[in-house]
Amino acid sequence: MQDDQNHGAPQQHGVQRIFFGHDGLRAIWSILLFLALAFALGRVVLGAFGSYLHQQQLIIKSTGELPVTFTLLMDGVLFAVAALVAFLISRIEKRSFGQYGIDALSTHRIRQFAIGLVIGIATMCLLMLALKVAGVMTFNGLLLHGTDILKWGALWALAFFAVALAEEYLMRGFLQFQLARGVAAIAARMGHREALCKRIGFWVAAGFFSLLFGLLHGNNPGESPIGLVSAGLIGLVLAYSLWRTGSLWWAIGYHAAWDWTQSFVWGVADSGGVSQHRLISTHSQGPLLLSGGLTGPEGSILVLAIILLVTAIVALTLKPEPGSPAAESNVPSL
């Protein structure tokens, strides 16, 4: 409990106690500092591309398709700003930057990232196969040929890697870590054991940001209730991979591969948005509940089975690692 952890530690008084706890800068101030700095720096950086972004937004409005350069710029800047601000705060907090979810790419982490890529591609292809068998998805042929396949495939792979980095780091990285720390501190004040406090902190934070992740998809064109639910649920599954490994690399690989296979390879809508220069022309048909309609495959009821499958894969293949939230909370291995 927190009282035990504070035993023998120097007592803090006055203003110092407001801003600092037994483990350094209090979580609420870390979160507010991150949001303020990231917002200010993001506006400055994106402001430098104001004219270009305006042109790209006009293209999106007129064509209904998302350009690869726009995606790469927006999400690349978003991640770079978030990572830089988190690094600066890590210096203030005297923590390792890797504690926020993106640690060094060791051989082990590269393998996890690669496995995440494979699972992301495989599960999206399985979903598309199910939609085809159900008679609600039609493939109309190739839109790209020759070297254009390699060119746009590589560019979209880079863009979706940036998307995965930005979304995972914002939803399950720095802010997840800080909120979990803050909730755990509150649980400790209520007299709970340290291991239980960490467990409560992690899953309250994971639930909050998974709900937020789902709700934010409501801003996408053509989004549906099932699409919002599936986004929130997959957020929980990706948080589960963080819980088991203590790292976001598996989740980043899965997220990037899922989006790339869905948007570039199969050319279907991703949360209502369609990508330019996609490989295959497709269209959905039949009941919206089954086909997903304008939302794309993530709006189909069949995606829920895929989410269950991915949950089982995480549980069976990602064992709790030393230093991970699962190991620190003394959670038995499945």
C-alpha atoms as a PDB file:
ATOM      1  CA  MET A   1       0.000   0.000   0.000  1.00  0.00           C
ATOM      2  CA  GLN A   2       1.061   3.582  -0.451  1.00  0.00           C
ATOM      3  CA  ASP A   3       1.592   4.134   3.282  1.00  0.00           C
ATOM      4  CA  ASP A   4       4.052   1.222   3.321  1.00  0.00           C
ATOM      5  CA  GLN A   5       5.836   2.584   0.267  1.00  0.00           C
ATOM      6  CA  ASN A   6       6.149   6.001   1.901  1.00  0.00           C
ATOM      7  CA  HIS A   7       7.539   4.606   5.159  1.00  0.00           C
ATOM      8  CA  GLY A   8      10.929   6.121   5.771  1.00  0.00           C
ATOM      9  CA  ALA A   9      10.684   8.447   2.751  1.00  0.00           C
ATOM     10  CA  PRO A  10      11.270  12.193   3.200  1.00  0.00           C
ATOM     11  CA  GLN A  11       8.049  13.977   4.122  1.00  0.00           C
ATOM     12  CA  GLN A  12       6.712  16.509   1.622  1.00  0.00           C
ATOM     13  CA  HIS A  13       4.935  19.676   2.652  1.00  0.00           C
ATOM     14  CA  GLY A  14       2.994  22.572   1.149  1.00  0.00           C
ATOM     15  CA  VAL A  15       3.312  23.231  -2.573  1.00  0.00           C
ATOM     16  CA  GLN A  16       5.717  20.337  -3.062  1.00  0.00           C
ATOM     17  CA  ARG A  17       3.075  17.856  -1.888  1.00  0.00           C
ATOM     18  CA  ILE A  18       0.565  19.237  -4.393  1.00  0.00           C
ATOM     19  CA  PHE A  19       2.844  18.557  -7.352  1.00  0.00           C
ATOM     20  CA  PHE A  20       4.858  15.528  -6.206  1.00  0.00           C
ATOM     21  CA  GLY A  21       4.022  12.145  -4.721  1.00  0.00           C
ATOM     22  CA  HIS A  22       6.175   9.254  -3.507  1.00  0.00           C
ATOM     23  CA  ASP A  23       6.982   8.287  -7.121  1.00  0.00           C
ATOM     24  CA  GLY A  24       7.677  11.765  -8.473  1.00  0.00           C
ATOM     25  CA  LEU A  25       5.522  14.252 -10.381  1.00  0.00           C
ATOM     26  CA  ARG A  26       1.867  13.395  -9.800  1.00  0.00           C
ATOM     27  CA  ALA A  27       0.092  11.738 -12.716  1.00  0.00           C
ATOM     28  CA  ILE A  28      -2.453  14.515 -13.212  1.00  0.00           C
ATOM     29  CA  TRP A  29       0.293  17.109 -13.714  1.00  0.00           C
ATOM     30  CA  SER A  30       2.177  14.819 -16.097  1.00  0.00           C
ATOM     31  CA  ILE A  31      -0.995  14.404 -18.178  1.00  0.00           C
ATOM     32  CA  LEU A  32      -1.821  18.117 -18.217  1.00  0.00           C
ATOM     33  CA  LEU A  33       1.778  19.042 -19.053  1.00  0.00           C
ATOM     34  CA  PHE A  34       1.805  16.517 -21.900  1.00  0.00           C
ATOM     35  CA  LEU A  35      -1.469  17.755 -23.365  1.00  0.00           C
ATOM     36  CA  ALA A  36      -0.477  21.428 -23.132  1.00  0.00           C
ATOM     37  CA  LEU A  37       2.973  20.971 -24.685  1.00  0.00           C
ATOM     38  CA  ALA A  38       1.768  18.555 -27.389  1.00  0.00           C
ATOM     39  CA  PHE A  39      -1.090  20.865 -28.382  1.00  0.00           C
ATOM     40  CA  ALA A  40       1.171  23.926 -28.572  1.00  0.00           C
ATOM     41  CA  LEU A  41       3.983  22.185 -30.442  1.00  0.00           C
ATOM     42  CA  GLY A  42       1.549  20.400 -32.769  1.00  0.00           C
ATOM     43  CA  ARG A  43      -0.082  23.669 -33.786  1.00  0.00           C
ATOM     44  CA  VAL A  44       3.305  25.203 -34.556  1.00  0.00           C
ATOM     45  CA  VAL A  45       4.501  22.258 -36.653  1.00  0.00           C
ATOM     46  CA  LEU A  46       1.251  21.736 -38.556  1.00  0.00           C
ATOM     47  CA  GLY A  47       0.946  25.490 -39.037  1.00  0.00           C
ATOM     48  CA  ALA A  48       4.088  25.344 -41.144  1.00  0.00           C
ATOM     49  CA  PHE A  49       2.215  23.038 -43.549  1.00  0.00           C
ATOM     50  CA  GLY A  50      -0.995  25.062 -43.491  1.00  0.00           C
ATOM     51  CA  SER A  51      -1.263  25.721 -47.230  1.00  0.00           C
ATOM     52  CA  TYR A  52      -0.447  22.130 -48.160  1.00  0.00           C
ATOM     53  CA  LEU A  53      -2.914  20.682 -45.645  1.00  0.00           C
ATOM     54  CA  HIS A  54      -5.656  22.978 -46.941  1.00  0.00           C
ATOM     55  CA  GLN A  55      -5.077  21.725 -50.496  1.00  0.00           C
ATOM     56  CA  GLN A  56      -5.153  18.121 -49.316  1.00  0.00           C
ATOM     57  CA  GLN A  57      -8.400  18.663 -47.444  1.00  0.00           C
ATOM     58  CA  LEU A  58      -9.977  20.067 -50.613  1.00  0.00           C
ATOM     59  CA  ILE A  59      -8.882  16.922 -52.470  1.00  0.00           C
ATOM     60  CA  ILE A  60     -10.409  14.719 -49.775  1.00  0.00           C
ATOM     61  CA  LYS A  61     -13.660  16.688 -49.893  1.00  0.00           C
ATOM     62  CA  SER A  62     -13.918  16.531 -53.681  1.00  0.00           C
ATOM     63  CA  THR A  63     -12.847  12.908 -54.206  1.00  0.00           C
ATOM     64  CA  GLY A  64     -13.887  11.275 -50.942  1.00  0.00           C
ATOM     65  CA  GLU A  65     -10.489   9.546 -50.881  1.00  0.00           C
ATOM     66  CA  LEU A  66      -7.572   9.903 -48.491  1.00  0.00           C
ATOM     67  CA  PRO A  67      -4.147  10.753 -50.035  1.00  0.00           C
ATOM     68  CA  VAL A  68      -1.159   8.815 -48.735  1.00  0.00           C
ATOM     69  CA  THR A  69       0.949  11.953 -48.238  1.00  0.00           C
ATOM     70  CA  PHE A  70      -1.739  13.559 -46.087  1.00  0.00           C
ATOM     71  CA  THR A  71      -1.978  10.452 -43.881  1.00  0.00           C
ATOM     72  CA  LEU A  72       1.793  10.160 -43.566  1.00  0.00           C
ATOM     73  CA  LEU A  73       2.260  13.828 -42.694  1.00  0.00           C
ATOM     74  CA  MET A  74      -0.582  14.111 -40.184  1.00  0.00           C
ATOM     75  CA  ASP A  75       0.141  10.917 -38.269  1.00  0.00           C
ATOM     76  CA  GLY A  76       3.903  11.240 -38.605  1.00  0.00           C
ATOM     77  CA  VAL A  77       3.810  14.723 -37.064  1.00  0.00           C
ATOM     78  CA  LEU A  78       1.329  13.561 -34.419  1.00  0.00           C
ATOM     79  CA  PHE A  79       3.610  10.755 -33.283  1.00  0.00           C
ATOM     80  CA  ALA A  80       6.803  12.824 -33.477  1.00  0.00           C
ATOM     81  CA  VAL A  81       5.283  15.571 -31.331  1.00  0.00           C
ATOM     82  CA  ALA A  82       3.837  13.109 -28.800  1.00  0.00           C
ATOM     83  CA  ALA A  83       7.112  11.180 -28.526  1.00  0.00           C
ATOM     84  CA  LEU A  84       9.208  14.339 -28.153  1.00  0.00           C
ATOM     85  CA  VAL A  85       6.980  15.754 -25.419  1.00  0.00           C
ATOM     86  CA  ALA A  86       6.889  12.388 -23.626  1.00  0.00           C
ATOM     87  CA  PHE A  87      10.687  12.206 -23.792  1.00  0.00           C
ATOM     88  CA  LEU A  88      11.011  15.678 -22.259  1.00  0.00           C
ATOM     89  CA  ILE A  89       8.622  14.730 -19.454  1.00  0.00           C
ATOM     90  CA  SER A  90      10.540  11.489 -18.897  1.00  0.00           C
ATOM     91  CA  ARG A  91      13.582  13.645 -18.097  1.00  0.00           C
ATOM     92  CA  ILE A  92      11.545  15.627 -15.568  1.00  0.00           C
ATOM     93  CA  GLU A  93      10.161  12.432 -14.036  1.00  0.00           C
ATOM     94  CA  LYS A  94      13.537  10.671 -14.211  1.00  0.00           C
ATOM     95  CA  ARG A  95      11.921   7.672 -15.894  1.00  0.00           C
ATOM     96  CA  SER A  96      13.023   5.574 -18.837  1.00  0.00           C
ATOM     97  CA  PHE A  97      11.239   6.631 -22.038  1.00  0.00           C
ATOM     98  CA  GLY A  98      10.558   2.937 -22.680  1.00  0.00           C
ATOM     99  CA  GLN A  99       8.239   2.780 -19.672  1.00  0.00           C
ATOM    100  CA  TYR A 100       5.657   4.611 -21.771  1.00  0.00           C
ATOM    101  CA  GLY A 101       5.203   1.640 -24.105  1.00  0.00           C
ATOM    102  CA  ILE A 102       7.751   2.025 -26.905  1.00  0.00           C
ATOM    103  CA  ASP A 103      11.007   0.513 -25.722  1.00  0.00           C
ATOM    104  CA  ALA A 104      14.177  -0.258 -27.685  1.00  0.00           C
ATOM    105  CA  LEU A 105      13.791  -2.547 -30.712  1.00  0.00           C
ATOM    106  CA  SER A 106      15.578  -5.626 -29.411  1.00  0.00           C
ATOM    107  CA  THR A 107      15.482  -8.909 -31.319  1.00  0.00           C
ATOM    108  CA  HIS A 108      12.618  -9.977 -29.066  1.00  0.00           C
ATOM    109  CA  ARG A 109      10.613  -6.812 -29.803  1.00  0.00           C
ATOM    110  CA  ILE A 110      11.288  -7.055 -33.537  1.00  0.00           C
ATOM    111  CA  ARG A 111       9.925 -10.602 -33.450  1.00  0.00           C
ATOM    112  CA  GLN A 112       6.811  -9.434 -31.597  1.00  0.00           C
ATOM    113  CA  PHE A 113       6.331  -6.601 -34.094  1.00  0.00           C
ATOM    114  CA  ALA A 114       6.702  -9.045 -37.008  1.00  0.00           C
ATOM    115  CA  ILE A 115       4.236 -11.498 -35.483  1.00  0.00           C
ATOM    116  CA  GLY A 116       1.787  -8.640 -34.977  1.00  0.00           C
ATOM    117  CA  LEU A 117       2.156  -7.808 -38.679  1.00  0.00           C
ATOM    118  CA  VAL A 118       1.426 -11.390 -39.711  1.00  0.00           C
ATOM    119  CA  ILE A 119      -1.597 -11.702 -37.416  1.00  0.00           C
ATOM    120  CA  GLY A 120      -2.952  -8.351 -38.632  1.00  0.00           C
ATOM    121  CA  ILE A 121      -2.724  -9.387 -42.293  1.00  0.00           C
ATOM    122  CA  ALA A 122      -4.108 -12.869 -41.637  1.00  0.00           C
ATOM    123  CA  THR A 123      -7.119 -11.774 -39.590  1.00  0.00           C
ATOM    124  CA  MET A 124      -8.117  -9.049 -42.045  1.00  0.00           C
ATOM    125  CA  CYS A 125      -7.886 -11.542 -44.915  1.00  0.00           C
ATOM    126  CA  LEU A 126      -9.972 -13.994 -42.893  1.00  0.00           C
ATOM    127  CA  LEU A 127     -12.619 -11.319 -42.354  1.00  0.00           C
ATOM    128  CA  MET A 128     -12.679 -10.470 -46.066  1.00  0.00           C
ATOM    129  CA  LEU A 129     -13.015 -14.170 -46.906  1.00  0.00           C
ATOM    130  CA  ALA A 130     -15.957 -14.454 -44.513  1.00  0.00           C
ATOM    131  CA  LEU A 131     -17.627 -11.439 -46.142  1.00  0.00           C
ATOM    132  CA  LYS A 132     -17.068 -12.959 -49.582  1.00  0.00           C
ATOM    133  CA  VAL A 133     -18.501 -16.325 -48.534  1.00  0.00           C
ATOM    134  CA  ALA A 134     -21.488 -14.534 -46.976  1.00  0.00           C
ATOM    135  CA  GLY A 135     -22.130 -12.913 -50.363  1.00  0.00           C
ATOM    136  CA  VAL A 136     -21.836  -9.323 -49.142  1.00  0.00           C
ATOM    137  CA  MET A 137     -18.465  -8.420 -50.691  1.00  0.00           C
ATOM    138  CA  THR A 138     -17.646  -8.251 -54.409  1.00  0.00           C
ATOM    139  CA  PHE A 139     -14.167  -7.841 -55.931  1.00  0.00           C
ATOM    140  CA  ASN A 140     -14.160  -5.850 -59.167  1.00  0.00           C
ATOM    141  CA  GLY A 141     -10.525  -6.230 -60.220  1.00  0.00           C
ATOM    142  CA  LEU A 142      -7.129  -4.540 -59.879  1.00  0.00           C
ATOM    143  CA  LEU A 143      -6.722  -0.773 -59.835  1.00  0.00           C
ATOM    144  CA  LEU A 144      -2.905  -0.866 -59.908  1.00  0.00           C
ATOM    145  CA  HIS A 145      -0.465  -2.723 -62.129  1.00  0.00           C
ATOM    146  CA  GLY A 146       3.278  -3.301 -62.462  1.00  0.00           C
ATOM    147  CA  THR A 147       5.625  -1.135 -60.417  1.00  0.00           C
ATOM    148  CA  ASP A 148       2.729   0.996 -59.170  1.00  0.00           C
ATOM    149  CA  ILE A 149       1.784  -1.889 -56.878  1.00  0.00           C
ATOM    150  CA  LEU A 150       5.197  -1.776 -55.205  1.00  0.00           C
ATOM    151  CA  LYS A 151       5.328   2.027 -55.132  1.00  0.00           C
ATOM    152  CA  TRP A 152       1.929   2.656 -53.558  1.00  0.00           C
ATOM    153  CA  GLY A 153       2.101  -0.477 -51.431  1.00  0.00           C
ATOM    154  CA  ALA A 154       5.339   0.752 -49.840  1.00  0.00           C
ATOM    155  CA  LEU A 155       4.058   4.300 -49.359  1.00  0.00           C
ATOM    156  CA  TRP A 156       0.860   3.109 -47.742  1.00  0.00           C
ATOM    157  CA  ALA A 157       2.823   0.686 -45.541  1.00  0.00           C
ATOM    158  CA  LEU A 158       4.883   3.627 -44.280  1.00  0.00           C
ATOM    159  CA  ALA A 159       1.762   5.749 -43.810  1.00  0.00           C
ATOM    160  CA  PHE A 160      -0.068   3.088 -41.816  1.00  0.00           C
ATOM    161  CA  PHE A 161       3.033   2.469 -39.726  1.00  0.00           C
ATOM    162  CA  ALA A 162       2.828   6.169 -38.811  1.00  0.00           C
ATOM    163  CA  VAL A 163      -0.903   5.787 -38.078  1.00  0.00           C
ATOM    164  CA  ALA A 164      -0.218   2.823 -35.785  1.00  0.00           C
ATOM    165  CA  LEU A 165       2.610   4.613 -33.985  1.00  0.00           C
ATOM    166  CA  ALA A 166       0.516   7.753 -33.420  1.00  0.00           C
ATOM    167  CA  GLU A 167      -2.719   6.056 -32.351  1.00  0.00           C
ATOM    168  CA  GLU A 168      -1.095   3.401 -30.155  1.00  0.00           C
ATOM    169  CA  TYR A 169       1.192   5.886 -28.435  1.00  0.00           C
ATOM    170  CA  LEU A 170      -1.599   8.361 -27.753  1.00  0.00           C
ATOM    171  CA  MET A 171      -4.204   5.781 -26.690  1.00  0.00           C
ATOM    172  CA  ARG A 172      -2.060   3.107 -25.014  1.00  0.00           C
ATOM    173  CA  GLY A 173       1.314   4.751 -24.459  1.00  0.00           C
ATOM    174  CA  PHE A 174       2.202   7.794 -22.373  1.00  0.00           C
ATOM    175  CA  LEU A 175      -1.328   8.772 -21.321  1.00  0.00           C
ATOM    176  CA  GLN A 176      -2.289   5.175 -20.501  1.00  0.00           C
ATOM    177  CA  PHE A 177       0.796   4.851 -18.288  1.00  0.00           C
ATOM    178  CA  GLN A 178       0.102   8.102 -16.435  1.00  0.00           C
ATOM    179  CA  LEU A 179      -3.617   7.522 -15.909  1.00  0.00           C
ATOM    180  CA  ALA A 180      -2.922   3.979 -14.685  1.00  0.00           C
ATOM    181  CA  ARG A 181      -0.375   5.396 -12.228  1.00  0.00           C
ATOM    182  CA  GLY A 182      -2.845   7.980 -10.969  1.00  0.00           C
ATOM    183  CA  VAL A 183      -5.705   5.504 -10.512  1.00  0.00           C
ATOM    184  CA  ALA A 184      -3.346   3.077  -8.743  1.00  0.00           C
ATOM    185  CA  ALA A 185      -2.381   5.837  -6.307  1.00  0.00           C
ATOM    186  CA  ILE A 186      -6.052   6.495  -5.534  1.00  0.00           C
ATOM    187  CA  ALA A 187      -6.644   2.759  -5.016  1.00  0.00           C
ATOM    188  CA  ALA A 188      -3.660   2.648  -2.649  1.00  0.00           C
ATOM    189  CA  ARG A 189      -5.187   5.429  -0.543  1.00  0.00           C
ATOM    190  CA  MET A 190      -8.294   3.251  -0.250  1.00  0.00           C
ATOM    191  CA  GLY A 191      -6.182   0.559   1.400  1.00  0.00           C
ATOM    192  CA  HIS A 192      -5.815  -1.959  -1.437  1.00  0.00           C
ATOM    193  CA  ARG A 193      -2.719  -4.118  -1.879  1.00  0.00           C
ATOM    194  CA  GLU A 194      -0.035  -2.789  -4.239  1.00  0.00           C
ATOM    195  CA  ALA A 195      -0.509  -5.584  -6.807  1.00  0.00           C
ATOM    196  CA  LEU A 196      -4.270  -5.003  -6.900  1.00  0.00           C
ATOM    197  CA  CYS A 197      -3.735  -1.244  -7.190  1.00  0.00           C
ATOM    198  CA  LYS A 198      -1.600  -1.727 -10.294  1.00  0.00           C
ATOM    199  CA  ARG A 199      -4.182  -4.083 -11.766  1.00  0.00           C
ATOM    200  CA  ILE A 200      -7.015  -1.639 -11.119  1.00  0.00           C
ATOM    201  CA  GLY A 201      -4.984   1.283 -12.448  1.00  0.00           C
ATOM    202  CA  PHE A 202      -4.063  -0.434 -15.693  1.00  0.00           C
ATOM    203  CA  TRP A 203      -7.525  -1.685 -16.594  1.00  0.00           C
ATOM    204  CA  VAL A 204      -9.370   1.485 -15.593  1.00  0.00           C
ATOM    205  CA  ALA A 205      -6.980   3.433 -17.850  1.00  0.00           C
ATOM    206  CA  ALA A 206      -7.266   0.820 -20.622  1.00  0.00           C
ATOM    207  CA  GLY A 207     -11.063   0.901 -20.425  1.00  0.00           C
ATOM    208  CA  PHE A 208     -11.151   4.695 -20.522  1.00  0.00           C
ATOM    209  CA  PHE A 209      -8.857   5.042 -23.530  1.00  0.00           C
ATOM    210  CA  SER A 210     -10.501   2.151 -25.391  1.00  0.00           C
ATOM    211  CA  LEU A 211     -13.862   3.885 -24.940  1.00  0.00           C
ATOM    212  CA  LEU A 212     -12.299   7.149 -26.108  1.00  0.00           C
ATOM    213  CA  PHE A 213     -10.697   5.354 -29.077  1.00  0.00           C
ATOM    214  CA  GLY A 214     -14.103   4.047 -30.112  1.00  0.00           C
ATOM    215  CA  LEU A 215     -15.846   7.396 -29.654  1.00  0.00           C
ATOM    216  CA  LEU A 216     -13.204   9.266 -31.663  1.00  0.00           C
ATOM    217  CA  HIS A 217     -14.030   7.036 -34.631  1.00  0.00           C
ATOM    218  CA  GLY A 218     -17.438   8.677 -34.603  1.00  0.00           C
ATOM    219  CA  ASN A 219     -15.827  11.641 -36.411  1.00  0.00           C
ATOM    220  CA  ASN A 220     -15.073   9.442 -39.420  1.00  0.00           C
ATOM    221  CA  PRO A 221     -17.392   9.580 -42.460  1.00  0.00           C
ATOM    222  CA  GLY A 222     -19.807   6.690 -42.738  1.00  0.00           C
ATOM    223  CA  GLU A 223     -19.077   5.295 -39.279  1.00  0.00           C
ATOM    224  CA  SER A 224     -21.712   2.988 -37.739  1.00  0.00           C
ATOM    225  CA  PRO A 225     -22.595   1.791 -34.214  1.00  0.00           C
ATOM    226  CA  ILE A 226     -20.927  -1.584 -34.808  1.00  0.00           C
ATOM    227  CA  GLY A 227     -17.864   0.215 -36.157  1.00  0.00           C
ATOM    228  CA  LEU A 228     -17.636   2.278 -32.965  1.00  0.00           C
ATOM    229  CA  VAL A 229     -18.058  -0.798 -30.777  1.00  0.00           C
ATOM    230  CA  SER A 230     -15.467  -2.802 -32.731  1.00  0.00           C
ATOM    231  CA  ALA A 231     -12.951   0.063 -32.497  1.00  0.00           C
ATOM    232  CA  GLY A 232     -13.405   0.210 -28.724  1.00  0.00           C
ATOM    233  CA  LEU A 233     -13.146  -3.567 -28.335  1.00  0.00           C
ATOM    234  CA  ILE A 234     -10.010  -3.884 -30.466  1.00  0.00           C
ATOM    235  CA  GLY A 235      -8.569  -1.093 -28.330  1.00  0.00           C
ATOM    236  CA  LEU A 236      -9.045  -3.326 -25.283  1.00  0.00           C
ATOM    237  CA  VAL A 237      -7.412  -6.263 -27.069  1.00  0.00           C
ATOM    238  CA  LEU A 238      -4.390  -4.144 -27.998  1.00  0.00           C
ATOM    239  CA  ALA A 239      -4.220  -2.955 -24.387  1.00  0.00           C
ATOM    240  CA  TYR A 240      -4.248  -6.640 -23.400  1.00  0.00           C
ATOM    241  CA  SER A 241      -1.107  -7.167 -25.502  1.00  0.00           C
ATOM    242  CA  LEU A 242       0.514  -4.275 -23.604  1.00  0.00           C
ATOM    243  CA  TRP A 243      -0.603  -5.855 -20.327  1.00  0.00           C
ATOM    244  CA  ARG A 244       1.123  -9.131 -21.248  1.00  0.00           C
ATOM    245  CA  THR A 245       4.334  -7.764 -22.759  1.00  0.00           C
ATOM    246  CA  GLY A 246       4.846  -4.306 -21.255  1.00  0.00           C
ATOM    247  CA  SER A 247       5.430  -3.015 -24.795  1.00  0.00           C
ATOM    248  CA  LEU A 248       3.373  -1.637 -27.687  1.00  0.00           C
ATOM    249  CA  TRP A 249       5.390  -3.262 -30.480  1.00  0.00           C
ATOM    250  CA  TRP A 250       2.999  -6.201 -31.022  1.00  0.00           C
ATOM    251  CA  ALA A 251       0.041  -3.803 -31.060  1.00  0.00           C
ATOM    252  CA  ILE A 252       1.806  -1.429 -33.475  1.00  0.00           C
ATOM    253  CA  GLY A 253       2.554  -4.286 -35.868  1.00  0.00           C
ATOM    254  CA  TYR A 254      -0.995  -5.598 -35.707  1.00  0.00           C
ATOM    255  CA  HIS A 255      -2.585  -2.152 -36.085  1.00  0.00           C
ATOM    256  CA  ALA A 256      -0.413  -1.161 -39.064  1.00  0.00           C
ATOM    257  CA  ALA A 257      -0.919  -4.475 -40.876  1.00  0.00           C
ATOM    258  CA  TRP A 258      -4.684  -4.533 -40.287  1.00  0.00           C
ATOM    259  CA  ASP A 259      -5.122  -1.016 -41.708  1.00  0.00           C
ATOM    260  CA  TRP A 260      -2.725  -1.614 -44.635  1.00  0.00           C
ATOM    261  CA  THR A 261      -4.383  -4.887 -45.678  1.00  0.00           C
ATOM    262  CA  GLN A 262      -7.853  -3.407 -45.332  1.00  0.00           C
ATOM    263  CA  SER A 263      -7.241  -0.073 -47.052  1.00  0.00           C
ATOM    264  CA  PHE A 264      -4.514  -0.740 -49.614  1.00  0.00           C
ATOM    265  CA  VAL A 265      -4.711  -4.444 -50.479  1.00  0.00           C
ATOM    266  CA  TRP A 266      -8.474  -4.979 -50.397  1.00  0.00           C
ATOM    267  CA  GLY A 267      -9.355  -1.360 -51.089  1.00  0.00           C
ATOM    268  CA  VAL A 268     -12.327  -1.304 -48.727  1.00  0.00           C
ATOM    269  CA  ALA A 269     -13.378   1.545 -46.458  1.00  0.00           C
ATOM    270  CA  ASP A 270     -11.573   1.865 -43.136  1.00  0.00           C
ATOM    271  CA  SER A 271     -13.994   3.381 -40.611  1.00  0.00           C
ATOM    272  CA  GLY A 272     -15.770   5.038 -43.519  1.00  0.00           C
ATOM    273  CA  GLY A 273     -12.650   6.383 -45.273  1.00  0.00           C
ATOM    274  CA  VAL A 274     -11.306   5.110 -48.604  1.00  0.00           C
ATOM    275  CA  SER A 275      -7.634   5.372 -49.576  1.00  0.00           C
ATOM    276  CA  GLN A 276      -6.330   6.693 -52.875  1.00  0.00           C
ATOM    277  CA  HIS A 277      -4.168   4.396 -55.021  1.00  0.00           C
ATOM    278  CA  ARG A 278      -5.546   1.162 -53.545  1.00  0.00           C
ATOM    279  CA  LEU A 279      -4.816  -2.207 -55.098  1.00  0.00           C
ATOM    280  CA  ILE A 280      -8.256  -3.794 -55.539  1.00  0.00           C
ATOM    281  CA  SER A 281     -11.649  -2.297 -56.390  1.00  0.00           C
ATOM    282  CA  THR A 282     -14.415  -3.692 -54.186  1.00  0.00           C
ATOM    283  CA  HIS A 283     -17.979  -2.927 -53.215  1.00  0.00           C
ATOM    284  CA  SER A 284     -20.272  -4.212 -50.493  1.00  0.00           C
ATOM    285  CA  GLN A 285     -23.864  -5.337 -50.896  1.00  0.00           C
ATOM    286  CA  GLY A 286     -26.656  -6.881 -48.866  1.00  0.00           C
ATOM    287  CA  PRO A 287     -27.694  -6.210 -45.251  1.00  0.00           C
ATOM    288  CA  LEU A 288     -25.644  -3.454 -43.597  1.00  0.00           C
ATOM    289  CA  LEU A 289     -25.382  -5.466 -40.400  1.00  0.00           C
ATOM    290  CA  LEU A 290     -23.495  -8.147 -42.324  1.00  0.00           C
ATOM    291  CA  SER A 291     -21.679  -6.144 -45.005  1.00  0.00           C
ATOM    292  CA  GLY A 292     -20.637  -3.153 -42.916  1.00  0.00           C
ATOM    293  CA  GLY A 293     -21.879  -0.761 -45.611  1.00  0.00           C
ATOM    294  CA  LEU A 294     -20.028   2.541 -45.868  1.00  0.00           C
ATOM    295  CA  THR A 295     -18.102   1.788 -42.668  1.00  0.00           C
ATOM    296  CA  GLY A 296     -16.287  -1.120 -44.287  1.00  0.00           C
ATOM    297  CA  PRO A 297     -15.507  -4.543 -42.773  1.00  0.00           C
ATOM    298  CA  GLU A 298     -15.141  -3.019 -39.295  1.00  0.00           C
ATOM    299  CA  GLY A 299     -18.866  -2.234 -39.429  1.00  0.00           C
ATOM    300  CA  SER A 300     -19.846  -5.871 -40.046  1.00  0.00           C
ATOM    301  CA  ILE A 301     -21.121  -8.018 -37.202  1.00  0.00           C
ATOM    302  CA  LEU A 302     -18.561 -10.610 -38.346  1.00  0.00           C
ATOM    303  CA  VAL A 303     -15.719  -8.433 -37.050  1.00  0.00           C
ATOM    304  CA  LEU A 304     -16.740  -9.380 -33.498  1.00  0.00           C
ATOM    305  CA  ALA A 305     -15.692 -12.987 -34.165  1.00  0.00           C
ATOM    306  CA  ILE A 306     -12.330 -11.735 -35.433  1.00  0.00           C
ATOM    307  CA  ILE A 307     -11.854  -9.683 -32.255  1.00  0.00           C
ATOM    308  CA  LEU A 308     -12.521 -12.788 -30.145  1.00  0.00           C
ATOM    309  CA  LEU A 309      -9.996 -14.704 -32.229  1.00  0.00           C
ATOM    310  CA  VAL A 310      -7.330 -12.011 -31.775  1.00  0.00           C
ATOM    311  CA  THR A 311      -8.002 -11.974 -28.021  1.00  0.00           C
ATOM    312  CA  ALA A 312      -7.382 -15.726 -27.893  1.00  0.00           C
ATOM    313  CA  ILE A 313      -4.183 -15.334 -29.942  1.00  0.00           C
ATOM    314  CA  VAL A 314      -2.848 -12.709 -27.530  1.00  0.00           C
ATOM    315  CA  ALA A 315      -3.728 -14.864 -24.510  1.00  0.00           C
ATOM    316  CA  LEU A 316      -2.115 -18.008 -25.946  1.00  0.00           C
ATOM    317  CA  THR A 317       0.989 -16.554 -27.598  1.00  0.00           C
ATOM    318  CA  LEU A 318       2.034 -13.530 -25.515  1.00  0.00           C
ATOM    319  CA  LYS A 319       3.139 -14.786 -22.123  1.00  0.00           C
ATOM    320  CA  PRO A 320       3.532 -12.293 -19.249  1.00  0.00           C
ATOM    321  CA  GLU A 321       7.058 -10.892 -19.368  1.00  0.00           C
ATOM    322  CA  PRO A 322       9.218  -9.638 -16.485  1.00  0.00           C
ATOM    323  CA  GLY A 323       8.457  -5.978 -15.885  1.00  0.00           C
ATOM    324  CA  SER A 324       5.109  -6.106 -17.692  1.00  0.00           C
ATOM    325  CA  PRO A 325       1.927  -4.953 -15.918  1.00  0.00           C
ATOM    326  CA  ALA A 326       0.744  -8.582 -15.830  1.00  0.00           C
ATOM    327  CA  ALA A 327       3.924  -9.775 -14.113  1.00  0.00           C
ATOM    328  CA  GLU A 328       4.009  -6.837 -11.695  1.00  0.00           C
ATOM    329  CA  SER A 329       0.406  -7.523 -10.718  1.00  0.00           C
ATOM    330  CA  ASN A 330       1.111 -11.222 -10.138  1.00  0.00           C
ATOM    331  CA  VAL A 331      -1.549 -12.291 -12.610  1.00  0.00           C
ATOM    332  CA  PRO A 332      -1.437 -16.058 -13.398  1.00  0.00           C
ATOM    333  CA  SER A 333      -0.525 -16.975 -16.953  1.00  0.00           C
ATOM    334  CA  LEU A 334      -3.352 -18.318 -19.119  1.00  0.00           C
END
